[in-house]
Structure formats: C-alpha cells, structure tokens
Amino acid sequence: MSEKTELIKDTKYCEIHNQGRYVDNNYTYCIEKIYVKKLKRFEIRFSLYKDFTGHPEKYIARSLDVTELEFISLLKDAIEKNVFTSDMLEAMAKLLSSSRSSRTAKNAKDKEKKSIPVNTTQENSTQNEKEIA
C-alpha cells in the first residue's frame, strides 16, 4: 500500500491530507491524517462533521461516538484512503494479533474452569478431604 497523501482541505489550524469517512444521515464521521501547522507534524484526528442548511459538512469540535460496526466501516475506509502509514498498520496488526492470542488463551482457561464439575458426590468429597489432610 502506498503512503501517498492527498491534500483535501487547508485551514488556519491544519491541512487535512487523507480522510476515512462513514456517512450517516446528517453526520459524517472521519478518521483523518492532518498536518498541524503550528506543531509542524502529522497527527491522526477523529472528527465529526454535520450538514447544516447552507453549510454542508461543518466541522463539529467534539468527541466521536460510533458503534463498533460504524467504527469498523470507518477504520476500513481510513485504511483504504492511506490515513495511516505502513508502520502504523503493522503496529496495529501486531497489537490485534497479540490481543487475539491472549484472549484465546484466556478463553481456553475459562473453558477449562467451567468443565470442572460443580456438584461432587459425597464419595469424591470425602476423598478430597483425605487428600488435603
């Protein structure tokens, strides 16, 4: 995947270079690659735009609240639009992979615990008491 940037918009605060989008009714949720002019660096911004009469996609300065499915759709589009560098994508893949591995191990331990019978017979109970003593 190439890491080309595409200048979408230039504001006093920043340049918006790439933008993953999820559109729902009057709102547009975005993950953007921005260049912050004062800090002279690229950043990732989660943003929200709202359509108003006479002013489509007005930037709304507040947090981004989306469902998991909306987030996946938004993240997919941001990846396709080169918002993230290949180093960032590789780091996210490693993070997701290690998270999946640790979650799988935890689930296996939880299943193991659940397979131990809760109700023991009197005979097993007596045997366990003898072993402990």
C-alpha atoms as a PDB file:
ATOM      1  CA  MET A   1       0.000   0.000   0.000  1.00  0.00           C
ATOM      2  CA  SER A   2       1.436   3.385  -0.917  1.00  0.00           C
ATOM      3  CA  GLU A   3       1.766   6.132   1.660  1.00  0.00           C
ATOM      4  CA  LYS A   4       0.822   8.988  -0.633  1.00  0.00           C
ATOM      5  CA  THR A   5      -1.065  11.881   0.852  1.00  0.00           C
ATOM      6  CA  GLU A   6      -3.791  13.839  -0.817  1.00  0.00           C
ATOM      7  CA  LEU A   7      -4.455  17.404   0.305  1.00  0.00           C
ATOM      8  CA  ILE A   8      -8.205  17.624   0.883  1.00  0.00           C
ATOM      9  CA  LYS A   9      -8.539  20.911   2.741  1.00  0.00           C
ATOM     10  CA  ASP A  10      -6.297  23.655   4.110  1.00  0.00           C
ATOM     11  CA  THR A  11      -7.401  25.555   7.230  1.00  0.00           C
ATOM     12  CA  LYS A  12      -5.711  28.056   9.539  1.00  0.00           C
ATOM     13  CA  TYR A  13      -5.032  25.268  12.046  1.00  0.00           C
ATOM     14  CA  CYS A  14      -4.114  22.334   9.808  1.00  0.00           C
ATOM     15  CA  GLU A  15      -4.033  20.681   6.417  1.00  0.00           C
ATOM     16  CA  ILE A  16      -6.319  17.674   6.005  1.00  0.00           C
ATOM     17  CA  HIS A  17      -4.374  15.215   3.865  1.00  0.00           C
ATOM     18  CA  ASN A  18      -6.291  11.939   3.919  1.00  0.00           C
ATOM     19  CA  GLN A  19      -9.698  11.080   5.283  1.00  0.00           C
ATOM     20  CA  GLY A  20     -11.586   7.855   6.012  1.00  0.00           C
ATOM     21  CA  ARG A  21     -15.327   8.516   6.187  1.00  0.00           C
ATOM     22  CA  TYR A  22     -18.556   6.959   7.422  1.00  0.00           C
ATOM     23  CA  VAL A  23     -21.694   8.908   6.448  1.00  0.00           C
ATOM     24  CA  ASP A  24     -24.957   8.524   8.400  1.00  0.00           C
ATOM     25  CA  ASN A  25     -27.925  10.863   7.843  1.00  0.00           C
ATOM     26  CA  ASN A  26     -26.705  14.428   8.521  1.00  0.00           C
ATOM     27  CA  TYR A  27     -23.391  13.384  10.081  1.00  0.00           C
ATOM     28  CA  THR A  28     -20.031  12.410   8.596  1.00  0.00           C
ATOM     29  CA  TYR A  29     -17.652  10.589  10.959  1.00  0.00           C
ATOM     30  CA  CYS A  30     -13.993  10.714   9.958  1.00  0.00           C
ATOM     31  CA  ILE A  31     -10.522   9.494  10.757  1.00  0.00           C
ATOM     32  CA  GLU A  32      -8.147  11.992   9.211  1.00  0.00           C
ATOM     33  CA  LYS A  33      -4.448  12.418   8.649  1.00  0.00           C
ATOM     34  CA  ILE A  34      -3.806  16.069   9.403  1.00  0.00           C
ATOM     35  CA  TYR A  35      -0.703  18.229   9.368  1.00  0.00           C
ATOM     36  CA  VAL A  36      -0.793  20.610  12.342  1.00  0.00           C
ATOM     37  CA  LYS A  37       0.916  23.761  11.126  1.00  0.00           C
ATOM     38  CA  LYS A  38       1.964  25.223  14.487  1.00  0.00           C
ATOM     39  CA  LEU A  39       3.469  21.921  15.693  1.00  0.00           C
ATOM     40  CA  LYS A  40       4.890  21.031  12.258  1.00  0.00           C
ATOM     41  CA  ARG A  41       3.813  17.378  12.463  1.00  0.00           C
ATOM     42  CA  PHE A  42       1.270  14.895  11.182  1.00  0.00           C
ATOM     43  CA  GLU A  43      -1.440  13.625  13.531  1.00  0.00           C
ATOM     44  CA  ILE A  44      -4.456  11.324  13.335  1.00  0.00           C
ATOM     45  CA  ARG A  45      -7.734  13.075  14.160  1.00  0.00           C
ATOM     46  CA  PHE A  46     -11.135  11.560  14.864  1.00  0.00           C
ATOM     47  CA  SER A  47     -13.668  14.131  13.733  1.00  0.00           C
ATOM     48  CA  LEU A  48     -17.340  14.758  13.180  1.00  0.00           C
ATOM     49  CA  TYR A  49     -18.996  16.917  10.539  1.00  0.00           C
ATOM     50  CA  LYS A  50     -22.677  17.868  10.381  1.00  0.00           C
ATOM     51  CA  ASP A  51     -24.714  19.105   7.441  1.00  0.00           C
ATOM     52  CA  PHE A  52     -26.404  22.455   8.070  1.00  0.00           C
ATOM     53  CA  THR A  53     -28.532  24.440   5.633  1.00  0.00           C
ATOM     54  CA  GLY A  54     -26.119  26.431   3.508  1.00  0.00           C
ATOM     55  CA  HIS A  55     -23.084  24.790   5.115  1.00  0.00           C
ATOM     56  CA  PRO A  56     -22.544  21.110   4.302  1.00  0.00           C
ATOM     57  CA  GLU A  57     -20.053  19.173   6.405  1.00  0.00           C
ATOM     58  CA  LYS A  58     -19.378  21.805   9.067  1.00  0.00           C
ATOM     59  CA  TYR A  59     -16.663  20.611  11.446  1.00  0.00           C
ATOM     60  CA  ILE A  60     -18.017  19.903  14.944  1.00  0.00           C
ATOM     61  CA  ALA A  61     -15.387  20.137  17.662  1.00  0.00           C
ATOM     62  CA  ARG A  62     -16.445  17.284  19.973  1.00  0.00           C
ATOM     63  CA  SER A  63     -15.692  13.632  20.550  1.00  0.00           C
ATOM     64  CA  LEU A  64     -16.557  10.921  18.061  1.00  0.00           C
ATOM     65  CA  ASP A  65     -19.175   8.416  19.277  1.00  0.00           C
ATOM     66  CA  VAL A  66     -19.884   5.474  16.961  1.00  0.00           C
ATOM     67  CA  THR A  67     -20.995   1.856  17.290  1.00  0.00           C
ATOM     68  CA  GLU A  68     -18.454  -0.937  16.800  1.00  0.00           C
ATOM     69  CA  LEU A  69     -19.815  -1.672  13.306  1.00  0.00           C
ATOM     70  CA  GLU A  70     -19.645   2.013  12.339  1.00  0.00           C
ATOM     71  CA  PHE A  71     -16.085   2.159  13.695  1.00  0.00           C
ATOM     72  CA  ILE A  72     -15.050  -0.877  11.628  1.00  0.00           C
ATOM     73  CA  SER A  73     -16.538   0.718   8.499  1.00  0.00           C
ATOM     74  CA  LEU A  74     -14.780   4.000   9.274  1.00  0.00           C
ATOM     75  CA  LEU A  75     -11.448   2.310  10.024  1.00  0.00           C
ATOM     76  CA  LYS A  76     -11.652   0.287   6.788  1.00  0.00           C
ATOM     77  CA  ASP A  77     -12.203   3.436   4.746  1.00  0.00           C
ATOM     78  CA  ALA A  78      -9.373   5.263   6.540  1.00  0.00           C
ATOM     79  CA  ILE A  79      -7.003   2.380   5.733  1.00  0.00           C
ATOM     80  CA  GLU A  80      -8.093   2.380   2.076  1.00  0.00           C
ATOM     81  CA  LYS A  81      -7.558   6.160   1.891  1.00  0.00           C
ATOM     82  CA  ASN A  82      -3.978   5.939   3.278  1.00  0.00           C
ATOM     83  CA  VAL A  83      -4.695   7.786   6.514  1.00  0.00           C
ATOM     84  CA  PHE A  84      -2.227   5.502   8.326  1.00  0.00           C
ATOM     85  CA  THR A  85       1.403   4.827   7.442  1.00  0.00           C
ATOM     86  CA  SER A  86       2.503   1.253   6.764  1.00  0.00           C
ATOM     87  CA  ASP A  87       4.416   1.339  10.094  1.00  0.00           C
ATOM     88  CA  MET A  88       1.189   2.260  11.894  1.00  0.00           C
ATOM     89  CA  LEU A  89      -0.766  -0.505  10.129  1.00  0.00           C
ATOM     90  CA  GLU A  90       1.937  -3.021  11.025  1.00  0.00           C
ATOM     91  CA  ALA A  91       1.836  -1.912  14.676  1.00  0.00           C
ATOM     92  CA  MET A  92      -1.980  -2.200  14.735  1.00  0.00           C
ATOM     93  CA  ALA A  93      -1.806  -5.676  13.153  1.00  0.00           C
ATOM     94  CA  LYS A  94       0.685  -6.804  15.820  1.00  0.00           C
ATOM     95  CA  LEU A  95      -1.485  -5.325  18.553  1.00  0.00           C
ATOM     96  CA  LEU A  96      -4.607  -7.056  17.245  1.00  0.00           C
ATOM     97  CA  SER A  97      -2.740 -10.327  16.781  1.00  0.00           C
ATOM     98  CA  SER A  98      -1.294 -10.311  20.307  1.00  0.00           C
ATOM     99  CA  SER A  99      -4.670  -9.293  21.726  1.00  0.00           C
ATOM    100  CA  ARG A 100      -6.334 -12.174  19.881  1.00  0.00           C
ATOM    101  CA  SER A 101      -3.673 -14.629  21.161  1.00  0.00           C
ATOM    102  CA  SER A 102      -4.024 -13.539  24.782  1.00  0.00           C
ATOM    103  CA  ARG A 103      -7.817 -13.553  24.503  1.00  0.00           C
ATOM    104  CA  THR A 104      -7.778 -17.090  23.028  1.00  0.00           C
ATOM    105  CA  ALA A 105      -5.544 -18.303  25.881  1.00  0.00           C
ATOM    106  CA  LYS A 106      -7.821 -16.668  28.470  1.00  0.00           C
ATOM    107  CA  ASN A 107     -10.934 -18.214  26.880  1.00  0.00           C
ATOM    108  CA  ALA A 108      -9.280 -21.662  26.955  1.00  0.00           C
ATOM    109  CA  LYS A 109      -8.534 -21.261  30.692  1.00  0.00           C
ATOM    110  CA  ASP A 110     -12.105 -20.090  31.337  1.00  0.00           C
ATOM    111  CA  LYS A 111     -13.497 -23.131  29.477  1.00  0.00           C
ATOM    112  CA  GLU A 112     -11.188 -25.382  31.494  1.00  0.00           C
ATOM    113  CA  LYS A 113     -12.531 -23.946  34.757  1.00  0.00           C
ATOM    114  CA  LYS A 114     -16.127 -24.373  33.573  1.00  0.00           C
ATOM    115  CA  SER A 115     -15.541 -28.055  32.717  1.00  0.00           C
ATOM    116  CA  ILE A 116     -14.778 -28.921  36.370  1.00  0.00           C
ATOM    117  CA  PRO A 117     -17.976 -30.397  37.829  1.00  0.00           C
ATOM    118  CA  VAL A 118     -19.601 -28.144  40.388  1.00  0.00           C
ATOM    119  CA  ASN A 119     -21.538 -30.879  42.226  1.00  0.00           C
ATOM    120  CA  THR A 120     -19.312 -33.591  43.641  1.00  0.00           C
ATOM    121  CA  THR A 121     -20.620 -36.752  45.189  1.00  0.00           C
ATOM    122  CA  GLN A 122     -20.150 -37.484  48.905  1.00  0.00           C
ATOM    123  CA  GLU A 123     -17.515 -40.070  47.950  1.00  0.00           C
ATOM    124  CA  ASN A 124     -15.451 -37.514  45.980  1.00  0.00           C
ATOM    125  CA  SER A 125     -15.860 -35.015  48.788  1.00  0.00           C
ATOM    126  CA  THR A 126     -14.564 -37.485  51.361  1.00  0.00           C
ATOM    127  CA  GLN A 127     -11.665 -38.456  49.070  1.00  0.00           C
ATOM    128  CA  ASN A 128     -10.717 -34.791  48.567  1.00  0.00           C
ATOM    129  CA  GLU A 129     -10.775 -34.185  52.334  1.00  0.00           C
ATOM    130  CA  LYS A 130      -8.421 -37.189  52.902  1.00  0.00           C
ATOM    131  CA  GLU A 131      -6.020 -35.877  50.233  1.00  0.00           C
ATOM    132  CA  ILE A 132      -5.925 -32.422  51.793  1.00  0.00           C
ATOM    133  CA  ALA A 133      -5.245 -33.813  55.288  1.00  0.00           C
END
